[in-house]
Amino acid sequence: MMLKTLVGLLALSLSAMCPAHAQSTSDQTPPPRGDGAKAAPSQDTDRVRARLRSGVPSRGTTVSESQATDLTLTLAQTAVRAVQVWVRTAGTIDKTRKLLTAQLSSSDGALIKVGQRVRAFPPESKSSMYQAWVTQVVPQGGGVTMEATLASTGRQNSEHYVMEVVVERGQFLAVPNEAIIEEGDKQIVYVQQHPGHYIPQEIHTGVQGELYTQVLDGLTEGDSVVTIGSFFVDSEYKLKASEQGAISNEPQHHH
């Protein structure tokens, strides 16, 4: 019964604190159609994919300075960064208001190590964020029991806490998650060739973290990719590709 209560508290807290994340997930996974059939890819998307597969250099697309300002178009450099995964769970605090205890699945528990940093807060006071560190990890009943010690005394009369364990997966060549656009089974970023001009580049990824994703190939360190505004740039590129395709497909008239 206690475990169900904790899971319920965690679900309510995460739904309130992470609307952006929920939106991101829904953006990437469109709802199924009522007839059970998959939507056919657009001709524009097919042209873009064909161009990427062919290896023919793309002329990309241009964004004016005024458009970039309106969009708050933002770039980020491809760089070696620490890729972090946050393991979220619900825990209870002891009578001293210093020690948190939580139950984890075996898969999440495999990521947890003594010494990892933990952020914790009671659901009734999300602004009361406490720092803690994992002090014990014990395999138990097909899962893992984790204990974390708060750096300061917890909130009075708060028994339950949402806990986020920060797991360092390593230093990798990586880009911000928001730079990556899903195109079916492909992942595309828009690389700045020179100010105002962007080309699509297919990449292959590895570890996906909370903020950054590992890039296995397709980019080199120092490449500038579009983050905020990437979907606008993608739309502009597809529109241009569609117009060029329409022109090239026009019948030629001979006199």
Protein backbone atom coordinates (compact mmCIF):
# COMPACT_ATOMS: atom_id res chain seq x y z
CA MET A 1 0.00 0.00 0.00
CA MET A 2 2.84 2.37 0.90
CA LEU A 3 4.57 1.66 -2.44
CA LYS A 4 1.37 2.49 -4.38
CA THR A 5 1.07 5.76 -2.44
CA LEU A 6 4.67 6.69 -3.24
CA VAL A 7 4.27 5.87 -6.94
CA GLY A 8 1.10 7.96 -7.05
CA LEU A 9 2.87 10.91 -5.44
CA LEU A 10 5.76 10.62 -7.87
CA ALA A 11 3.45 10.53 -10.90
CA LEU A 12 1.51 13.61 -9.73
CA SER A 13 4.71 15.54 -8.98
CA LEU A 14 6.40 14.70 -12.27
CA SER A 15 3.32 15.59 -14.31
CA ALA A 16 3.28 19.01 -12.63
CA MET A 17 7.01 19.71 -12.80
CA CYS A 18 7.81 18.38 -16.29
CA PRO A 19 5.20 19.63 -18.79
CA ALA A 20 7.91 20.45 -21.33
CA HIS A 21 9.23 16.93 -21.20
CA ALA A 22 5.75 15.48 -21.64
CA GLN A 23 5.21 17.76 -24.64
CA SER A 24 8.52 16.71 -26.14
CA THR A 25 7.51 13.05 -25.90
CA SER A 26 4.14 13.69 -27.49
CA ASP A 27 5.76 15.67 -30.30
CA GLN A 28 8.03 12.76 -31.20
CA THR A 29 5.31 10.05 -31.02
CA PRO A 30 2.17 11.00 -32.95
CA PRO A 31 -1.10 9.39 -31.74
CA PRO A 32 -2.22 6.28 -33.62
CA ARG A 33 -4.84 6.75 -36.32
CA GLY A 34 -8.30 5.42 -35.66
CA ASP A 35 -8.17 2.93 -38.53
CA GLY A 36 -4.95 1.40 -37.22
CA ALA A 37 -3.05 2.30 -40.40
CA LYS A 38 0.20 4.23 -40.43
CA ALA A 39 0.22 7.63 -42.09
CA ALA A 40 2.13 7.62 -45.37
CA PRO A 41 5.21 9.89 -45.42
CA SER A 42 4.79 13.11 -47.36
CA GLN A 43 6.45 13.61 -50.75
CA ASP A 44 8.48 16.45 -49.23
CA THR A 45 9.87 14.15 -46.56
CA ASP A 46 10.63 11.49 -49.19
CA ARG A 47 12.64 14.00 -51.24
CA VAL A 48 14.64 15.08 -48.19
CA ARG A 49 15.40 11.46 -47.26
CA ALA A 50 16.40 10.62 -50.83
CA ARG A 51 18.79 13.54 -50.91
CA LEU A 52 20.33 12.54 -47.58
CA ARG A 53 20.73 8.93 -48.72
CA SER A 54 22.24 9.91 -52.05
CA GLY A 55 25.09 11.81 -50.43
CA VAL A 56 24.52 14.74 -52.83
CA PRO A 57 25.50 17.96 -51.06
CA SER A 58 22.42 19.94 -50.10
CA ARG A 59 22.14 23.63 -50.79
CA GLY A 60 20.32 23.94 -47.49
CA THR A 61 18.12 26.87 -46.62
CA THR A 62 18.51 30.49 -45.61
CA VAL A 63 16.97 32.27 -42.63
CA SER A 64 16.95 36.07 -42.65
CA GLU A 65 18.22 38.09 -39.72
CA SER A 66 14.72 39.33 -38.93
CA GLN A 67 13.32 35.78 -38.98
CA ALA A 68 16.12 34.61 -36.69
CA THR A 69 15.36 37.44 -34.27
CA ASP A 70 11.62 36.69 -34.24
CA LEU A 71 12.32 33.00 -33.61
CA THR A 72 15.08 33.63 -31.07
CA LEU A 73 16.99 31.18 -33.28
CA THR A 74 19.75 29.66 -31.16
CA LEU A 75 22.89 27.71 -32.01
CA ALA A 76 24.97 25.32 -29.93
CA GLN A 77 28.37 23.86 -30.63
CA THR A 78 28.97 20.15 -30.99
CA ALA A 79 31.33 19.46 -28.10
CA VAL A 80 32.56 16.84 -25.65
CA ARG A 81 30.23 17.06 -22.66
CA ALA A 82 29.14 15.09 -19.61
CA VAL A 83 25.98 13.20 -20.56
CA GLN A 84 23.71 12.75 -17.55
CA VAL A 85 20.67 10.57 -16.97
CA TRP A 86 18.31 11.40 -14.11
CA VAL A 87 16.76 8.43 -12.33
CA ARG A 88 13.51 9.55 -10.67
CA THR A 89 11.81 7.74 -7.83
CA ALA A 90 9.77 8.31 -4.66
CA GLY A 91 11.16 7.89 -1.16
CA THR A 92 10.37 8.34 2.51
CA ILE A 93 12.37 10.17 5.17
CA ASP A 94 13.21 8.85 8.62
CA LYS A 95 12.45 10.51 11.98
CA THR A 96 15.75 12.41 11.98
CA ARG A 97 14.66 14.11 8.71
CA LYS A 98 18.07 13.33 7.23
CA LEU A 99 17.86 9.84 5.67
CA LEU A 100 15.78 9.05 2.58
CA THR A 101 14.93 5.49 1.52
CA ALA A 102 13.56 4.42 -1.87
CA GLN A 103 12.85 1.24 -3.82
CA LEU A 104 14.09 0.95 -7.42
CA SER A 105 13.64 -1.57 -10.21
CA SER A 106 16.66 -3.71 -11.06
CA SER A 107 17.23 -1.79 -14.31
CA ASP A 108 17.25 1.62 -12.61
CA GLY A 109 19.12 0.23 -9.64
CA ALA A 110 21.95 -0.92 -11.91
CA LEU A 111 22.73 2.75 -12.61
CA ILE A 112 22.89 3.78 -8.95
CA LYS A 113 26.23 4.02 -7.13
CA VAL A 114 27.27 5.25 -3.69
CA GLY A 115 28.36 8.88 -3.86
CA GLN A 116 26.00 10.00 -6.65
CA ARG A 117 24.26 13.35 -6.21
CA VAL A 118 20.54 13.39 -5.42
CA ARG A 119 18.01 16.20 -5.59
CA ALA A 120 14.93 15.74 -3.42
CA PHE A 121 11.79 17.69 -2.59
CA PRO A 122 8.46 17.00 -0.87
CA PRO A 123 5.48 17.03 -3.30
CA GLU A 124 3.64 19.60 -1.19
CA SER A 125 6.55 22.04 -1.42
CA LYS A 126 8.30 21.78 -4.79
CA SER A 127 10.33 24.91 -4.06
CA SER A 128 11.99 23.14 -1.11
CA MET A 129 14.80 21.46 -3.07
CA TYR A 130 17.29 19.50 -0.95
CA GLN A 131 20.73 18.22 -1.92
CA ALA A 132 21.66 14.68 -0.91
CA TRP A 133 24.09 11.89 -1.76
CA VAL A 134 23.58 8.16 -2.19
CA THR A 135 25.03 6.47 0.88
CA GLN A 136 23.84 2.87 0.45
CA VAL A 137 22.65 0.61 -2.39
CA VAL A 138 21.34 -2.86 -1.45
CA PRO A 139 19.91 -5.44 -3.92
CA GLN A 140 16.66 -6.71 -2.48
CA GLY A 141 13.72 -8.77 -3.75
CA GLY A 142 14.49 -8.44 -7.43
CA GLY A 143 15.06 -4.71 -7.11
CA VAL A 144 17.29 -2.30 -5.22
CA THR A 145 16.87 -0.41 -1.95
CA MET A 146 18.65 2.94 -2.01
CA GLU A 147 19.46 5.25 0.87
CA ALA A 148 20.44 8.89 0.47
CA THR A 149 21.56 11.34 3.15
CA LEU A 150 20.40 14.95 3.00
CA ALA A 151 22.98 17.73 3.33
CA SER A 152 20.54 19.58 5.62
CA THR A 153 17.54 18.66 7.72
CA GLY A 154 14.41 17.96 5.71
CA ARG A 155 11.11 19.84 5.80
CA GLN A 156 9.08 19.46 8.95
CA ASN A 157 5.96 17.26 8.68
CA SER A 158 6.95 16.05 5.19
CA GLU A 159 7.33 12.28 5.04
CA HIS A 160 7.39 11.61 1.30
CA TYR A 161 9.93 12.97 -1.21
CA VAL A 162 10.46 12.93 -4.95
CA MET A 163 14.08 11.97 -5.60
CA GLU A 164 16.21 12.54 -8.70
CA VAL A 165 19.53 10.72 -8.83
CA VAL A 166 22.02 12.34 -11.23
CA VAL A 167 23.84 9.55 -13.10
CA GLU A 168 26.94 10.48 -15.10
CA ARG A 169 27.10 8.25 -18.18
CA GLY A 170 30.44 9.62 -19.37
CA GLN A 171 32.10 12.32 -21.48
CA PHE A 172 30.93 12.13 -25.09
CA LEU A 173 30.78 14.22 -28.24
CA ALA A 174 27.23 15.48 -27.87
CA VAL A 175 24.57 17.99 -28.93
CA PRO A 176 21.54 19.36 -27.04
CA ASN A 177 18.48 17.12 -27.32
CA GLU A 178 16.39 19.91 -28.84
CA ALA A 179 18.71 20.09 -31.86
CA ILE A 180 17.70 16.60 -33.02
CA ILE A 181 14.72 16.14 -35.35
CA GLU A 182 13.26 12.67 -35.80
CA GLU A 183 12.59 11.75 -39.45
CA GLY A 184 11.17 8.24 -39.32
CA ASP A 185 14.12 6.04 -38.40
CA LYS A 186 16.60 8.87 -39.05
CA GLN A 187 17.86 11.68 -36.83
CA ILE A 188 18.60 15.04 -38.45
CA VAL A 189 20.27 18.22 -37.21
CA TYR A 190 20.70 21.52 -39.06
CA VAL A 191 24.32 22.67 -39.28
CA GLN A 192 25.25 26.31 -39.86
CA GLN A 193 27.48 26.58 -42.93
CA HIS A 194 27.78 30.33 -42.52
CA PRO A 195 25.59 32.93 -40.76
CA GLY A 196 22.00 32.56 -41.92
CA HIS A 197 22.58 29.40 -43.99
CA TYR A 198 21.81 25.91 -42.68
CA ILE A 199 22.04 22.41 -44.13
CA PRO A 200 20.45 19.17 -42.86
CA GLN A 201 22.83 16.51 -41.60
CA GLU A 202 21.94 12.96 -40.65
CA ILE A 203 23.60 11.76 -37.45
CA HIS A 204 23.84 8.50 -35.53
CA THR A 205 23.42 8.73 -31.78
CA GLY A 206 24.38 6.77 -28.70
CA VAL A 207 23.54 7.54 -25.07
CA GLN A 208 20.56 9.88 -24.70
CA GLY A 209 20.79 11.95 -21.56
CA GLU A 210 18.46 14.39 -19.85
CA LEU A 211 19.91 17.41 -21.68
CA TYR A 212 22.41 16.09 -24.25
CA THR A 213 22.68 13.13 -26.64
CA GLN A 214 25.89 11.38 -27.68
CA VAL A 215 26.79 11.72 -31.38
CA LEU A 216 28.52 8.66 -32.83
CA ASP A 217 29.00 10.07 -36.34
CA GLY A 218 27.76 12.77 -38.68
CA LEU A 219 29.22 15.75 -36.80
CA THR A 220 32.65 16.89 -35.70
CA GLU A 221 33.63 18.91 -32.66
CA GLY A 222 32.95 22.60 -33.22
CA ASP A 223 30.05 22.18 -35.68
CA SER A 224 27.28 24.70 -34.89
CA VAL A 225 23.78 23.19 -34.86
CA VAL A 226 20.38 24.85 -34.54
CA THR A 227 18.59 24.23 -31.23
CA ILE A 228 15.74 26.71 -30.69
CA GLY A 229 14.15 27.24 -34.10
CA SER A 230 15.23 23.91 -35.60
CA PHE A 231 11.66 22.97 -36.60
CA PHE A 232 11.20 26.27 -38.43
CA VAL A 233 14.48 25.74 -40.33
CA ASP A 234 13.35 22.18 -41.14
CA SER A 235 10.02 23.47 -42.50
CA GLU A 236 11.77 26.09 -44.62
CA TYR A 237 14.12 23.46 -46.03
CA LYS A 238 11.28 21.06 -46.89
CA LEU A 239 9.32 23.87 -48.55
CA LYS A 240 12.35 24.79 -50.66
CA ALA A 241 12.96 21.13 -51.55
CA SER A 242 9.31 20.77 -52.57
CA GLU A 243 9.43 23.87 -54.80
CA GLN A 244 12.66 22.72 -56.45
CA GLY A 245 11.14 19.30 -57.04
CA ALA A 246 8.05 20.83 -58.61
CA ILE A 247 10.17 22.92 -60.99
CA SER A 248 12.35 19.98 -62.02
CA ASN A 249 9.25 17.84 -62.65
CA GLU A 250 7.57 20.37 -64.93
CA PRO A 251 7.19 19.05 -68.52
CA GLN A 252 9.51 20.59 -71.06
CA HIS A 253 7.80 22.20 -74.08
CA HIS A 254 9.57 21.85 -77.42
CA HIS A 255 8.80 24.19 -80.35
